[in-house]
PDB file of N, CA and C in Angstrom:
ATOM      1  N   MET A   1      67.743-157.623  67.570  1.00  0.00           N
ATOM      2  CA  MET A   1      69.065-157.177  66.793  1.00  0.00           C
ATOM      3  C   MET A   1      69.887-158.457  66.614  1.00  0.00           C
ATOM      4  N   LYS A   2      69.960-158.889  65.272  1.00  0.00           N
ATOM      5  CA  LYS A   2      70.867-160.149  65.136  1.00  0.00           C
ATOM      6  C   LYS A   2      72.184-159.838  64.792  1.00  0.00           C
ATOM      7  N   SER A   3      72.480-158.573  64.329  1.00  0.00           N
ATOM      8  CA  SER A   3      73.858-158.349  63.527  1.00  0.00           C
ATOM      9  C   SER A   3      74.002-156.680  63.775  1.00  0.00           C
ATOM     10  N   TYR A   4      75.178-156.322  63.597  1.00  0.00           N
ATOM     11  CA  TYR A   4      75.469-154.980  63.649  1.00  0.00           C
ATOM     12  C   TYR A   4      74.968-154.284  62.223  1.00  0.00           C
ATOM     13  N   LYS A   5      74.653-155.058  61.327  1.00  0.00           N
ATOM     14  CA  LYS A   5      74.040-154.532  60.145  1.00  0.00           C
ATOM     15  C   LYS A   5      72.587-154.201  60.290  1.00  0.00           C
ATOM     16  N   ASP A   6      72.108-154.498  61.372  1.00  0.00           N
ATOM     17  CA  ASP A   6      70.686-154.111  61.621  1.00  0.00           C
ATOM     18  C   ASP A   6      70.679-152.846  62.404  1.00  0.00           C
ATOM     19  N   LEU A   7      71.759-152.223  62.665  1.00  0.00           N
ATOM     20  CA  LEU A   7      71.990-150.874  63.318  1.00  0.00           C
ATOM     21  C   LEU A   7      71.850-149.846  62.146  1.00  0.00           C
ATOM     22  N   ASP A   8      70.969-148.793  62.366  1.00  0.00           N
ATOM     23  CA  ASP A   8      70.834-147.831  61.405  1.00  0.00           C
ATOM     24  C   ASP A   8      72.210-146.831  61.444  1.00  0.00           C
ATOM     25  N   ILE A   9      72.782-146.657  62.547  1.00  0.00           N
ATOM     26  CA  ILE A   9      73.977-145.979  62.563  1.00  0.00           C
ATOM     27  C   ILE A   9      75.055-146.705  61.741  1.00  0.00           C
ATOM     28  N   TYR A  10      75.213-147.837  61.822  1.00  0.00           N
ATOM     29  CA  TYR A  10      76.084-148.665  60.937  1.00  0.00           C
ATOM     30  C   TYR A  10      75.843-148.413  59.469  1.00  0.00           C
ATOM     31  N   ASN A  11      74.708-148.621  59.088  1.00  0.00           N
ATOM     32  CA  ASN A  11      74.399-148.627  57.612  1.00  0.00           C
ATOM     33  C   ASN A  11      74.575-147.148  57.130  1.00  0.00           C
ATOM     34  N   LEU A  12      74.194-146.104  57.838  1.00  0.00           N
ATOM     35  CA  LEU A  12      74.375-144.877  57.497  1.00  0.00           C
ATOM     36  C   LEU A  12      75.917-144.558  57.531  1.00  0.00           C
ATOM     37  N   ALA A  13      76.722-145.006  58.436  1.00  0.00           N
ATOM     38  CA  ALA A  13      78.215-144.808  58.411  1.00  0.00           C
ATOM     39  C   ALA A  13      78.737-145.333  57.170  1.00  0.00           C
ATOM     40  N   CYS A  14      78.413-146.655  56.845  1.00  0.00           N
ATOM     41  CA  CYS A  14      78.758-147.323  55.699  1.00  0.00           C
ATOM     42  C   CYS A  14      78.640-146.500  54.400  1.00  0.00           C
ATOM     43  N   ASP A  15      77.389-146.137  54.245  1.00  0.00           N
ATOM     44  CA  ASP A  15      76.777-145.480  52.998  1.00  0.00           C
ATOM     45  C   ASP A  15      77.743-144.066  53.005  1.00  0.00           C
ATOM     46  N   TYR A  16      77.905-143.380  54.052  1.00  0.00           N
ATOM     47  CA  TYR A  16      78.548-142.143  54.020  1.00  0.00           C
ATOM     48  C   TYR A  16      80.043-142.263  53.747  1.00  0.00           C
ATOM     49  N   ALA A  17      80.684-143.497  54.178  1.00  0.00           N
ATOM     50  CA  ALA A  17      81.903-143.696  53.963  1.00  0.00           C
ATOM     51  C   ALA A  17      82.222-143.964  52.384  1.00  0.00           C
ATOM     52  N   LEU A  18      81.360-144.431  51.796  1.00  0.00           N
ATOM     53  CA  LEU A  18      81.426-144.721  50.309  1.00  0.00           C
ATOM     54  C   LEU A  18      81.267-143.220  49.682  1.00  0.00           C
ATOM     55  N   GLU A  19      80.429-142.545  50.020  1.00  0.00           N
ATOM     56  CA  GLU A  19      80.286-141.009  49.493  1.00  0.00           C
ATOM     57  C   GLU A  19      81.679-140.231  49.790  1.00  0.00           C
ATOM     58  N   VAL A  20      82.258-140.513  50.938  1.00  0.00           N
ATOM     59  CA  VAL A  20      83.496-139.811  51.260  1.00  0.00           C
ATOM     60  C   VAL A  20      84.543-140.253  50.323  1.00  0.00           C
ATOM     61  N   HIS A  21      84.714-141.540  50.176  1.00  0.00           N
ATOM     62  CA  HIS A  21      85.479-142.089  49.163  1.00  0.00           C
ATOM     63  C   HIS A  21      85.512-141.580  47.806  1.00  0.00           C
ATOM     64  N   SER A  22      84.063-141.489  47.273  1.00  0.00           N
ATOM     65  CA  SER A  22      83.987-140.890  45.973  1.00  0.00           C
ATOM     66  C   SER A  22      84.398-139.440  45.837  1.00  0.00           C
ATOM     67  N   ILE A  23      84.022-138.697  46.902  1.00  0.00           N
ATOM     68  CA  ILE A  23      84.351-137.288  46.868  1.00  0.00           C
ATOM     69  C   ILE A  23      85.916-137.072  46.876  1.00  0.00           C
ATOM     70  N   SER A  24      86.614-137.993  47.908  1.00  0.00           N
ATOM     71  CA  SER A  24      88.029-137.729  47.915  1.00  0.00           C
ATOM     72  C   SER A  24      88.860-138.136  46.907  1.00  0.00           C
ATOM     73  N   MET A  25      88.140-138.982  45.960  1.00  0.00           N
ATOM     74  CA  MET A  25      88.987-139.322  44.697  1.00  0.00           C
ATOM     75  C   MET A  25      88.889-138.222  43.713  1.00  0.00           C
ATOM     76  N   LYS A  26      88.067-137.250  43.948  1.00  0.00           N
ATOM     77  CA  LYS A  26      87.913-136.095  42.895  1.00  0.00           C
ATOM     78  C   LYS A  26      88.855-134.827  43.528  1.00  0.00           C
ATOM     79  N   LEU A  27      89.665-135.016  44.575  1.00  0.00           N
ATOM     80  CA  LEU A  27      90.566-134.129  45.087  1.00  0.00           C
ATOM     81  C   LEU A  27      91.723-133.997  44.083  1.00  0.00           C
ATOM     82  N   PRO A  28      92.366-132.881  43.885  1.00  0.00           N
ATOM     83  CA  PRO A  28      93.518-132.826  43.206  1.00  0.00           C
ATOM     84  C   PRO A  28      94.631-133.817  43.522  1.00  0.00           C
ATOM     85  N   LYS A  29      95.458-134.242  42.571  1.00  0.00           N
ATOM     86  CA  LYS A  29      96.314-135.448  42.738  1.00  0.00           C
ATOM     87  C   LYS A  29      97.042-135.177  43.956  1.00  0.00           C
ATOM     88  N   PHE A  30      97.619-133.955  44.251  1.00  0.00           N
ATOM     89  CA  PHE A  30      98.701-133.829  45.262  1.00  0.00           C
ATOM     90  C   PHE A  30      97.928-134.003  46.678  1.00  0.00           C
ATOM     91  N   GLU A  31      96.500-133.997  46.601  1.00  0.00           N
ATOM     92  CA  GLU A  31      95.763-134.048  47.819  1.00  0.00           C
ATOM     93  C   GLU A  31      95.234-135.608  48.183  1.00  0.00           C
ATOM     94  N   LEU A  32      95.536-136.417  47.198  1.00  0.00           N
ATOM     95  CA  LEU A  32      94.822-137.809  47.333  1.00  0.00           C
ATOM     96  C   LEU A  32      95.690-138.442  48.459  1.00  0.00           C
ATOM     97  N   TYR A  33      96.817-138.157  48.653  1.00  0.00           N
ATOM     98  CA  TYR A  33      97.617-139.102  49.773  1.00  0.00           C
ATOM     99  C   TYR A  33      97.716-138.366  51.008  1.00  0.00           C
ATOM    100  N   GLU A  34      97.126-137.073  50.941  1.00  0.00           N
ATOM    101  CA  GLU A  34      97.177-136.269  52.279  1.00  0.00           C
ATOM    102  C   GLU A  34      95.797-136.191  52.828  1.00  0.00           C
ATOM    103  N   GLN A  35      95.241-135.182  52.414  1.00  0.00           N
ATOM    104  CA  GLN A  35      93.817-134.815  52.778  1.00  0.00           C
ATOM    105  C   GLN A  35      92.769-135.950  52.476  1.00  0.00           C
ATOM    106  N   GLY A  36      92.965-136.613  51.305  1.00  0.00           N
ATOM    107  CA  GLY A  36      92.141-137.638  50.882  1.00  0.00           C
ATOM    108  C   GLY A  36      92.224-138.924  51.692  1.00  0.00           C
ATOM    109  N   SER A  37      93.536-139.320  51.773  1.00  0.00           N
ATOM    110  CA  SER A  37      93.761-140.540  52.687  1.00  0.00           C
ATOM    111  C   SER A  37      93.255-140.412  54.074  1.00  0.00           C
ATOM    112  N   GLN A  38      93.487-139.198  54.550  1.00  0.00           N
ATOM    113  CA  GLN A  38      93.070-139.023  56.182  1.00  0.00           C
ATOM    114  C   GLN A  38      91.463-139.044  56.186  1.00  0.00           C
ATOM    115  N   ILE A  39      90.690-138.450  55.143  1.00  0.00           N
ATOM    116  CA  ILE A  39      89.350-138.300  55.308  1.00  0.00           C
ATOM    117  C   ILE A  39      88.905-139.967  54.921  1.00  0.00           C
ATOM    118  N   ARG A  40      89.482-140.454  54.132  1.00  0.00           N
ATOM    119  CA  ARG A  40      88.956-141.823  53.988  1.00  0.00           C
ATOM    120  C   ARG A  40      89.255-142.753  55.030  1.00  0.00           C
ATOM    121  N   ARG A  41      90.203-142.682  55.808  1.00  0.00           N
ATOM    122  CA  ARG A  41      90.479-143.400  57.025  1.00  0.00           C
ATOM    123  C   ARG A  41      89.507-143.063  58.081  1.00  0.00           C
ATOM    124  N   SER A  42      89.295-141.741  58.313  1.00  0.00           N
ATOM    125  CA  SER A  42      88.386-141.428  59.497  1.00  0.00           C
ATOM    126  C   SER A  42      86.909-141.890  59.300  1.00  0.00           C
ATOM    127  N   SER A  43      86.517-141.695  57.901  1.00  0.00           N
ATOM    128  CA  SER A  43      85.117-142.024  57.603  1.00  0.00           C
ATOM    129  C   SER A  43      84.885-143.755  57.860  1.00  0.00           C
ATOM    130  N   LYS A  44      85.897-144.241  57.427  1.00  0.00           N
ATOM    131  CA  LYS A  44      85.901-145.870  57.460  1.00  0.00           C
ATOM    132  C   LYS A  44      85.815-146.289  59.041  1.00  0.00           C
ATOM    133  N   SER A  45      86.750-145.411  59.744  1.00  0.00           N
ATOM    134  CA  SER A  45      86.838-145.766  61.241  1.00  0.00           C
ATOM    135  C   SER A  45      85.573-145.592  62.040  1.00  0.00           C
ATOM    136  N   VAL A  46      84.598-144.776  61.488  1.00  0.00           N
ATOM    137  CA  VAL A  46      83.203-144.626  62.136  1.00  0.00           C
ATOM    138  C   VAL A  46      82.526-146.031  62.076  1.00  0.00           C
ATOM    139  N   LYS A  47      82.505-146.503  60.937  1.00  0.00           N
ATOM    140  CA  LYS A  47      81.704-147.813  60.686  1.00  0.00           C
ATOM    141  C   LYS A  47      82.441-148.966  61.452  1.00  0.00           C
ATOM    142  N   ASP A  48      83.781-148.943  61.314  1.00  0.00           N
ATOM    143  CA  ASP A  48      84.529-150.074  61.869  1.00  0.00           C
ATOM    144  C   ASP A  48      84.452-149.992  63.403  1.00  0.00           C
ATOM    145  N   ASN A  49      84.458-148.937  63.976  1.00  0.00           N
ATOM    146  CA  ASN A  49      84.338-148.844  65.601  1.00  0.00           C
ATOM    147  C   ASN A  49      82.900-149.286  66.004  1.00  0.00           C
ATOM    148  N   ILE A  50      81.922-149.032  65.281  1.00  0.00           N
ATOM    149  CA  ILE A  50      80.440-149.534  65.540  1.00  0.00           C
ATOM    150  C   ILE A  50      80.595-150.983  65.403  1.00  0.00           C
ATOM    151  N   VAL A  51      81.205-151.535  64.385  1.00  0.00           N
ATOM    152  CA  VAL A  51      81.192-153.024  64.229  1.00  0.00           C
ATOM    153  C   VAL A  51      82.040-153.543  65.557  1.00  0.00           C
ATOM    154  N   GLU A  52      83.185-153.048  65.755  1.00  0.00           N
ATOM    155  CA  GLU A  52      83.969-153.623  66.883  1.00  0.00           C
ATOM    156  C   GLU A  52      83.206-153.503  68.269  1.00  0.00           C
ATOM    157  N   GLY A  53      82.590-152.500  68.450  1.00  0.00           N
ATOM    158  CA  GLY A  53      81.851-152.143  69.647  1.00  0.00           C
ATOM    159  C   GLY A  53      80.727-153.299  69.739  1.00  0.00           C
ATOM    160  N   TYR A  54      80.127-153.481  68.689  1.00  0.00           N
ATOM    161  CA  TYR A  54      79.098-154.338  68.601  1.00  0.00           C
ATOM    162  C   TYR A  54      79.467-155.823  68.959  1.00  0.00           C
ATOM    163  N   GLY A  55      80.662-156.300  68.456  1.00  0.00           N
ATOM    164  CA  GLY A  55      81.251-157.312  68.575  1.00  0.00           C
ATOM    165  C   GLY A  55      81.626-157.586  70.093  1.00  0.00           C
ATOM    166  N   ARG A  56      81.804-156.425  70.828  1.00  0.00           N
ATOM    167  CA  ARG A  56      82.050-156.536  72.321  1.00  0.00           C
ATOM    168  C   ARG A  56      80.850-156.247  73.234  1.00  0.00           C
ATOM    169  N   ARG A  57      79.648-156.172  72.476  1.00  0.00           N
ATOM    170  CA  ARG A  57      78.369-155.761  73.293  1.00  0.00           C
ATOM    171  C   ARG A  57      78.164-156.537  74.589  1.00  0.00           C
ATOM    172  N   ARG A  58      78.541-157.635  74.564  1.00  0.00           N
ATOM    173  CA  ARG A  58      78.531-158.317  75.868  1.00  0.00           C
ATOM    174  C   ARG A  58      79.029-157.765  76.962  1.00  0.00           C
ATOM    175  N   TYR A  59      80.118-157.050  76.858  1.00  0.00           N
ATOM    176  CA  TYR A  59      80.676-156.059  77.821  1.00  0.00           C
ATOM    177  C   TYR A  59      80.427-154.583  77.557  1.00  0.00           C
ATOM    178  N   LYS A  60      79.317-154.259  78.351  1.00  0.00           N
ATOM    179  CA  LYS A  60      78.672-152.949  78.126  1.00  0.00           C
ATOM    180  C   LYS A  60      79.802-151.702  77.941  1.00  0.00           C
ATOM    181  N   GLN A  61      80.901-151.798  78.806  1.00  0.00           N
ATOM    182  CA  GLN A  61      81.812-150.616  78.858  1.00  0.00           C
ATOM    183  C   GLN A  61      82.609-150.784  77.607  1.00  0.00           C
ATOM    184  N   ASP A  62      83.003-151.871  77.182  1.00  0.00           N
ATOM    185  CA  ASP A  62      83.703-152.046  75.806  1.00  0.00           C
ATOM    186  C   ASP A  62      82.741-151.563  74.652  1.00  0.00           C
ATOM    187  N   PHE A  63      81.612-151.808  74.615  1.00  0.00           N
ATOM    188  CA  PHE A  63      80.645-151.365  73.723  1.00  0.00           C
ATOM    189  C   PHE A  63      80.628-149.902  73.641  1.00  0.00           C
ATOM    190  N   ILE A  64      80.413-149.368  74.779  1.00  0.00           N
ATOM    191  CA  ILE A  64      80.313-147.756  74.875  1.00  0.00           C
ATOM    192  C   ILE A  64      81.716-147.100  74.402  1.00  0.00           C
ATOM    193  N   LYS A  65      82.886-147.768  74.936  1.00  0.00           N
ATOM    194  CA  LYS A  65      84.049-147.344  74.503  1.00  0.00           C
ATOM    195  C   LYS A  65      84.349-147.154  73.013  1.00  0.00           C
ATOM    196  N   PHE A  66      83.888-148.207  72.257  1.00  0.00           N
ATOM    197  CA  PHE A  66      84.075-148.284  70.822  1.00  0.00           C
ATOM    198  C   PHE A  66      82.966-147.379  70.205  1.00  0.00           C
ATOM    199  N   LEU A  67      81.937-147.086  70.720  1.00  0.00           N
ATOM    200  CA  LEU A  67      80.945-146.331  70.202  1.00  0.00           C
ATOM    201  C   LEU A  67      81.420-144.793  70.414  1.00  0.00           C
ATOM    202  N   VAL A  68      82.162-144.502  71.409  1.00  0.00           N
ATOM    203  CA  VAL A  68      82.655-143.214  71.742  1.00  0.00           C
ATOM    204  C   VAL A  68      83.909-143.236  70.710  1.00  0.00           C
ATOM    205  N   TYR A  69      84.667-144.156  70.425  1.00  0.00           N
ATOM    206  CA  TYR A  69      85.782-144.016  69.327  1.00  0.00           C
ATOM    207  C   TYR A  69      84.999-143.684  67.956  1.00  0.00           C
ATOM    208  N   ALA A  70      83.827-144.389  67.823  1.00  0.00           N
ATOM    209  CA  ALA A  70      83.277-144.130  66.420  1.00  0.00           C
ATOM    210  C   ALA A  70      82.898-142.626  66.376  1.00  0.00           C
ATOM    211  N   HIS A  71      82.332-142.141  67.628  1.00  0.00           N
ATOM    212  CA  HIS A  71      81.801-140.728  67.612  1.00  0.00           C
ATOM    213  C   HIS A  71      83.113-139.769  67.358  1.00  0.00           C
ATOM    214  N   ALA A  72      84.265-140.139  67.927  1.00  0.00           N
ATOM    215  CA  ALA A  72      85.433-139.266  67.693  1.00  0.00           C
ATOM    216  C   ALA A  72      85.855-139.241  66.338  1.00  0.00           C
ATOM    217  N   SER A  73      85.840-140.488  65.613  1.00  0.00           N
ATOM    218  CA  SER A  73      86.249-140.621  64.363  1.00  0.00           C
ATOM    219  C   SER A  73      85.249-139.735  63.370  1.00  0.00           C
ATOM    220  N   LEU A  74      83.960-139.629  63.785  1.00  0.00           N
ATOM    221  CA  LEU A  74      83.033-138.978  63.100  1.00  0.00           C
ATOM    222  C   LEU A  74      83.258-137.405  63.082  1.00  0.00           C
ATOM    223  N   LEU A  75      83.745-137.093  64.301  1.00  0.00           N
ATOM    224  CA  LEU A  75      84.117-135.475  64.485  1.00  0.00           C
ATOM    225  C   LEU A  75      85.330-135.364  63.635  1.00  0.00           C
ATOM    226  N   GLU A  76      86.295-136.268  63.550  1.00  0.00           N
ATOM    227  CA  GLU A  76      87.384-135.989  62.874  1.00  0.00           C
ATOM    228  C   GLU A  76      87.210-135.939  61.256  1.00  0.00           C
ATOM    229  N   CYS A  77      86.201-136.808  60.926  1.00  0.00           N
ATOM    230  CA  CYS A  77      85.791-136.768  59.483  1.00  0.00           C
ATOM    231  C   CYS A  77      85.054-135.428  59.283  1.00  0.00           C
ATOM    232  N   ILE A  78      84.428-134.992  60.076  1.00  0.00           N
ATOM    233  CA  ILE A  78      83.680-133.644  60.028  1.00  0.00           C
ATOM    234  C   ILE A  78      84.578-132.502  59.754  1.00  0.00           C
ATOM    235  N   SER A  79      85.696-132.593  60.548  1.00  0.00           N
ATOM    236  CA  SER A  79      86.657-131.603  60.575  1.00  0.00           C
ATOM    237  C   SER A  79      87.392-131.591  59.084  1.00  0.00           C
ATOM    238  N   GLN A  80      87.706-132.831  58.714  1.00  0.00           N
ATOM    239  CA  GLN A  80      88.324-132.976  57.189  1.00  0.00           C
ATOM    240  C   GLN A  80      87.393-132.419  56.223  1.00  0.00           C
ATOM    241  N   LEU A  81      86.090-132.777  56.319  1.00  0.00           N
ATOM    242  CA  LEU A  81      85.163-132.184  55.313  1.00  0.00           C
ATOM    243  C   LEU A  81      85.067-130.742  55.358  1.00  0.00           C
ATOM    244  N   GLU A  82      85.036-130.311  56.489  1.00  0.00           N
ATOM    245  CA  GLU A  82      84.936-128.647  56.547  1.00  0.00           C
ATOM    246  C   GLU A  82      86.266-128.063  55.845  1.00  0.00           C
ATOM    247  N   MET A  83      87.402-128.632  56.135  1.00  0.00           N
ATOM    248  CA  MET A  83      88.589-128.209  55.455  1.00  0.00           C
ATOM    249  C   MET A  83      88.451-128.311  53.904  1.00  0.00           C
ATOM    250  N   ILE A  84      87.861-129.504  53.465  1.00  0.00           N
ATOM    251  CA  ILE A  84      87.794-129.782  51.941  1.00  0.00           C
ATOM    252  C   ILE A  84      86.769-128.855  51.324  1.00  0.00           C
ATOM    253  N   HIS A  85      85.738-128.579  52.278  1.00  0.00           N
ATOM    254  CA  HIS A  85      84.722-127.633  51.768  1.00  0.00           C
ATOM    255  C   HIS A  85      85.196-126.230  51.596  1.00  0.00           C
ATOM    256  N   LYS A  86      86.298-125.790  52.310  1.00  0.00           N
ATOM    257  CA  LYS A  86      86.678-124.349  52.252  1.00  0.00           C
ATOM    258  C   LYS A  86      87.680-124.420  51.093  1.00  0.00           C
ATOM    259  N   LEU A  87      88.403-125.439  50.928  1.00  0.00           N
ATOM    260  CA  LEU A  87      89.454-125.519  49.921  1.00  0.00           C
ATOM    261  C   LEU A  87      88.895-125.729  48.652  1.00  0.00           C
ATOM    262  N   TYR A  88      87.863-126.580  48.543  1.00  0.00           N
ATOM    263  CA  TYR A  88      87.369-127.163  47.190  1.00  0.00           C
ATOM    264  C   TYR A  88      85.915-126.985  47.068  1.00  0.00           C
ATOM    265  N   PRO A  89      85.252-125.935  47.209  1.00  0.00           N
ATOM    266  CA  PRO A  89      83.830-125.692  47.291  1.00  0.00           C
ATOM    267  C   PRO A  89      83.109-126.444  46.191  1.00  0.00           C
ATOM    268  N   ASP A  90      83.728-126.761  45.003  1.00  0.00           N
ATOM    269  CA  ASP A  90      83.161-127.321  43.924  1.00  0.00           C
ATOM    270  C   ASP A  90      82.767-128.815  44.199  1.00  0.00           C
ATOM    271  N   LEU A  91      83.327-129.379  45.303  1.00  0.00           N
ATOM    272  CA  LEU A  91      83.114-130.900  45.555  1.00  0.00           C
ATOM    273  C   LEU A  91      81.851-131.086  46.429  1.00  0.00           C
ATOM    274  N   GLU A  92      81.086-129.923  46.766  1.00  0.00           N
ATOM    275  CA  GLU A  92      79.685-130.160  47.564  1.00  0.00           C
ATOM    276  C   GLU A  92      80.099-130.941  48.721  1.00  0.00           C
ATOM    277  N   ALA A  93      81.021-130.657  49.396  1.00  0.00           N
ATOM    278  CA  ALA A  93      81.184-131.472  50.844  1.00  0.00           C
ATOM    279  C   ALA A  93      80.124-130.952  51.828  1.00  0.00           C
ATOM    280  N   GLN A  94      79.507-129.956  51.641  1.00  0.00           N
ATOM    281  CA  GLN A  94      78.434-129.445  52.652  1.00  0.00           C
ATOM    282  C   GLN A  94      77.280-130.591  52.889  1.00  0.00           C
ATOM    283  N   ILE A  95      76.903-131.187  51.640  1.00  0.00           N
ATOM    284  CA  ILE A  95      75.867-132.293  51.613  1.00  0.00           C
ATOM    285  C   ILE A  95      76.337-133.294  52.771  1.00  0.00           C
ATOM    286  N   LEU A  96      77.623-133.777  52.594  1.00  0.00           N
ATOM    287  CA  LEU A  96      78.096-134.808  53.425  1.00  0.00           C
ATOM    288  C   LEU A  96      78.187-134.274  54.969  1.00  0.00           C
ATOM    289  N   LEU A  97      78.660-132.954  55.246  1.00  0.00           N
ATOM    290  CA  LEU A  97      78.836-132.519  56.405  1.00  0.00           C
ATOM    291  C   LEU A  97      77.465-132.427  57.128  1.00  0.00           C
ATOM    292  N   ASP A  98      76.406-132.124  56.209  1.00  0.00           N
ATOM    293  CA  ASP A  98      74.847-132.269  56.908  1.00  0.00           C
ATOM    294  C   ASP A  98      74.468-133.629  57.394  1.00  0.00           C
ATOM    295  N   LYS A  99      75.029-134.651  56.517  1.00  0.00           N
ATOM    296  CA  LYS A  99      74.672-135.995  56.740  1.00  0.00           C
ATOM    297  C   LYS A  99      75.460-136.533  57.988  1.00  0.00           C
ATOM    298  N   TYR A 100      76.654-136.110  58.000  1.00  0.00           N
ATOM    299  CA  TYR A 100      77.454-136.566  59.170  1.00  0.00           C
ATOM    300  C   TYR A 100      77.019-135.787  60.561  1.00  0.00           C
ATOM    301  N   ASP A 101      76.494-134.694  60.445  1.00  0.00           N
ATOM    302  CA  ASP A 101      75.869-134.058  61.556  1.00  0.00           C
ATOM    303  C   ASP A 101      74.680-134.829  62.136  1.00  0.00           C
ATOM    304  N   MET A 102      73.739-135.240  61.189  1.00  0.00           N
ATOM    305  CA  MET A 102      72.642-136.175  61.541  1.00  0.00           C
ATOM    306  C   MET A 102      73.103-137.408  62.283  1.00  0.00           C
ATOM    307  N   LEU A 103      74.075-138.007  61.555  1.00  0.00           N
ATOM    308  CA  LEU A 103      74.690-139.376  61.937  1.00  0.00           C
ATOM    309  C   LEU A 103      75.249-139.139  63.281  1.00  0.00           C
ATOM    310  N   GLY A 104      75.928-138.089  63.600  1.00  0.00           N
ATOM    311  CA  GLY A 104      76.589-137.822  64.948  1.00  0.00           C
ATOM    312  C   GLY A 104      75.512-137.775  66.059  1.00  0.00           C
ATOM    313  N   ALA A 105      74.391-137.120  65.657  1.00  0.00           N
ATOM    314  CA  ALA A 105      73.235-136.926  66.619  1.00  0.00           C
ATOM    315  C   ALA A 105      72.695-138.432  66.838  1.00  0.00           C
ATOM    316  N   LYS A 106      72.482-139.038  65.822  1.00  0.00           N
ATOM    317  CA  LYS A 106      71.937-140.429  66.045  1.00  0.00           C
ATOM    318  C   LYS A 106      72.834-141.440  67.019  1.00  0.00           C
ATOM    319  N   LEU A 107      74.289-141.230  66.647  1.00  0.00           N
ATOM    320  CA  LEU A 107      75.228-142.078  67.386  1.00  0.00           C
ATOM    321  C   LEU A 107      75.309-141.630  68.792  1.00  0.00           C
ATOM    322  N   PHE A 108      75.250-140.395  69.011  1.00  0.00           N
ATOM    323  CA  PHE A 108      75.137-139.951  70.344  1.00  0.00           C
ATOM    324  C   PHE A 108      73.908-140.487  71.109  1.00  0.00           C
ATOM    325  N   LYS A 109      72.850-140.503  70.592  1.00  0.00           N
ATOM    326  CA  LYS A 109      71.641-141.079  71.101  1.00  0.00           C
ATOM    327  C   LYS A 109      71.679-142.518  71.436  1.00  0.00           C
ATOM    328  N   PHE A 110      72.362-143.056  70.579  1.00  0.00           N
ATOM    329  CA  PHE A 110      72.516-144.508  70.632  1.00  0.00           C
ATOM    330  C   PHE A 110      73.439-144.835  71.944  1.00  0.00           C
ATOM    331  N   ILE A 111      74.550-144.065  72.066  1.00  0.00           N
ATOM    332  CA  ILE A 111      75.455-144.109  73.197  1.00  0.00           C
ATOM    333  C   ILE A 111      74.634-144.024  74.474  1.00  0.00           C
ATOM    334  N   GLN A 112      73.787-143.090  74.484  1.00  0.00           N
ATOM    335  CA  GLN A 112      73.038-142.764  75.593  1.00  0.00           C
ATOM    336  C   GLN A 112      72.052-143.881  75.959  1.00  0.00           C
ATOM    337  N   TYR A 113      71.404-144.475  74.839  1.00  0.00           N
ATOM    338  CA  TYR A 113      70.720-145.813  75.091  1.00  0.00           C
ATOM    339  C   TYR A 113      71.408-146.930  75.632  1.00  0.00           C
ATOM    340  N   VAL A 114      72.678-147.085  75.131  1.00  0.00           N
ATOM    341  CA  VAL A 114      73.372-148.222  75.554  1.00  0.00           C
ATOM    342  C   VAL A 114      73.712-147.977  76.991  1.00  0.00           C
ATOM    343  N   GLU A 115      74.209-146.744  77.290  1.00  0.00           N
ATOM    344  CA  GLU A 115      74.546-146.350  78.819  1.00  0.00           C
ATOM    345  C   GLU A 115      73.467-146.586  79.804  1.00  0.00           C
ATOM    346  N   LYS A 116      72.193-146.274  79.399  1.00  0.00           N
ATOM    347  CA  LYS A 116      71.104-146.441  80.234  1.00  0.00           C
ATOM    348  C   LYS A 116      70.254-147.716  80.224  1.00  0.00           C
ATOM    349  N   ASP A 117      70.142-148.368  78.936  1.00  0.00           N
ATOM    350  CA  ASP A 117      69.096-149.325  78.869  1.00  0.00           C
ATOM    351  C   ASP A 117      69.721-150.645  78.292  1.00  0.00           C
ATOM    352  N   TRP A 118      71.060-150.715  77.998  1.00  0.00           N
ATOM    353  CA  TRP A 118      71.614-152.103  77.552  1.00  0.00           C
ATOM    354  C   TRP A 118      71.720-153.000  78.730  1.00  0.00           C
ATOM    355  N   LYS A 119      71.366-154.260  78.412  1.00  0.00           N
ATOM    356  CA  LYS A 119      71.320-155.243  79.263  1.00  0.00           C
ATOM    357  C   LYS A 119      72.663-155.566  79.990  1.00  0.00           C
TER     358      LYS A 119
END
């Protein structure tokens, strides 16, 4: 692994953040700065915490801490997507919910890997 860009979890988080951004811009104007801003920040936080953790990978506990932060941001993003899905079913947030569920599982497994097998 030469870079955080080699991590599948990073690449998926980045792709999904772009999808979240796109969906959030379709929200009604009054939601752009409330729900829209919050979901954009939480989705981008997932990838950013993976990157920051990777940057601290030399210190295993720091790496784990930032991966846990990434997972927490992912859960926040899921919560926001669930609300958007209930309020605006036309936006098809369910597709992203399914993707974030899969990413959450991958991130959880990666955290377990780092805890057990990281040098």
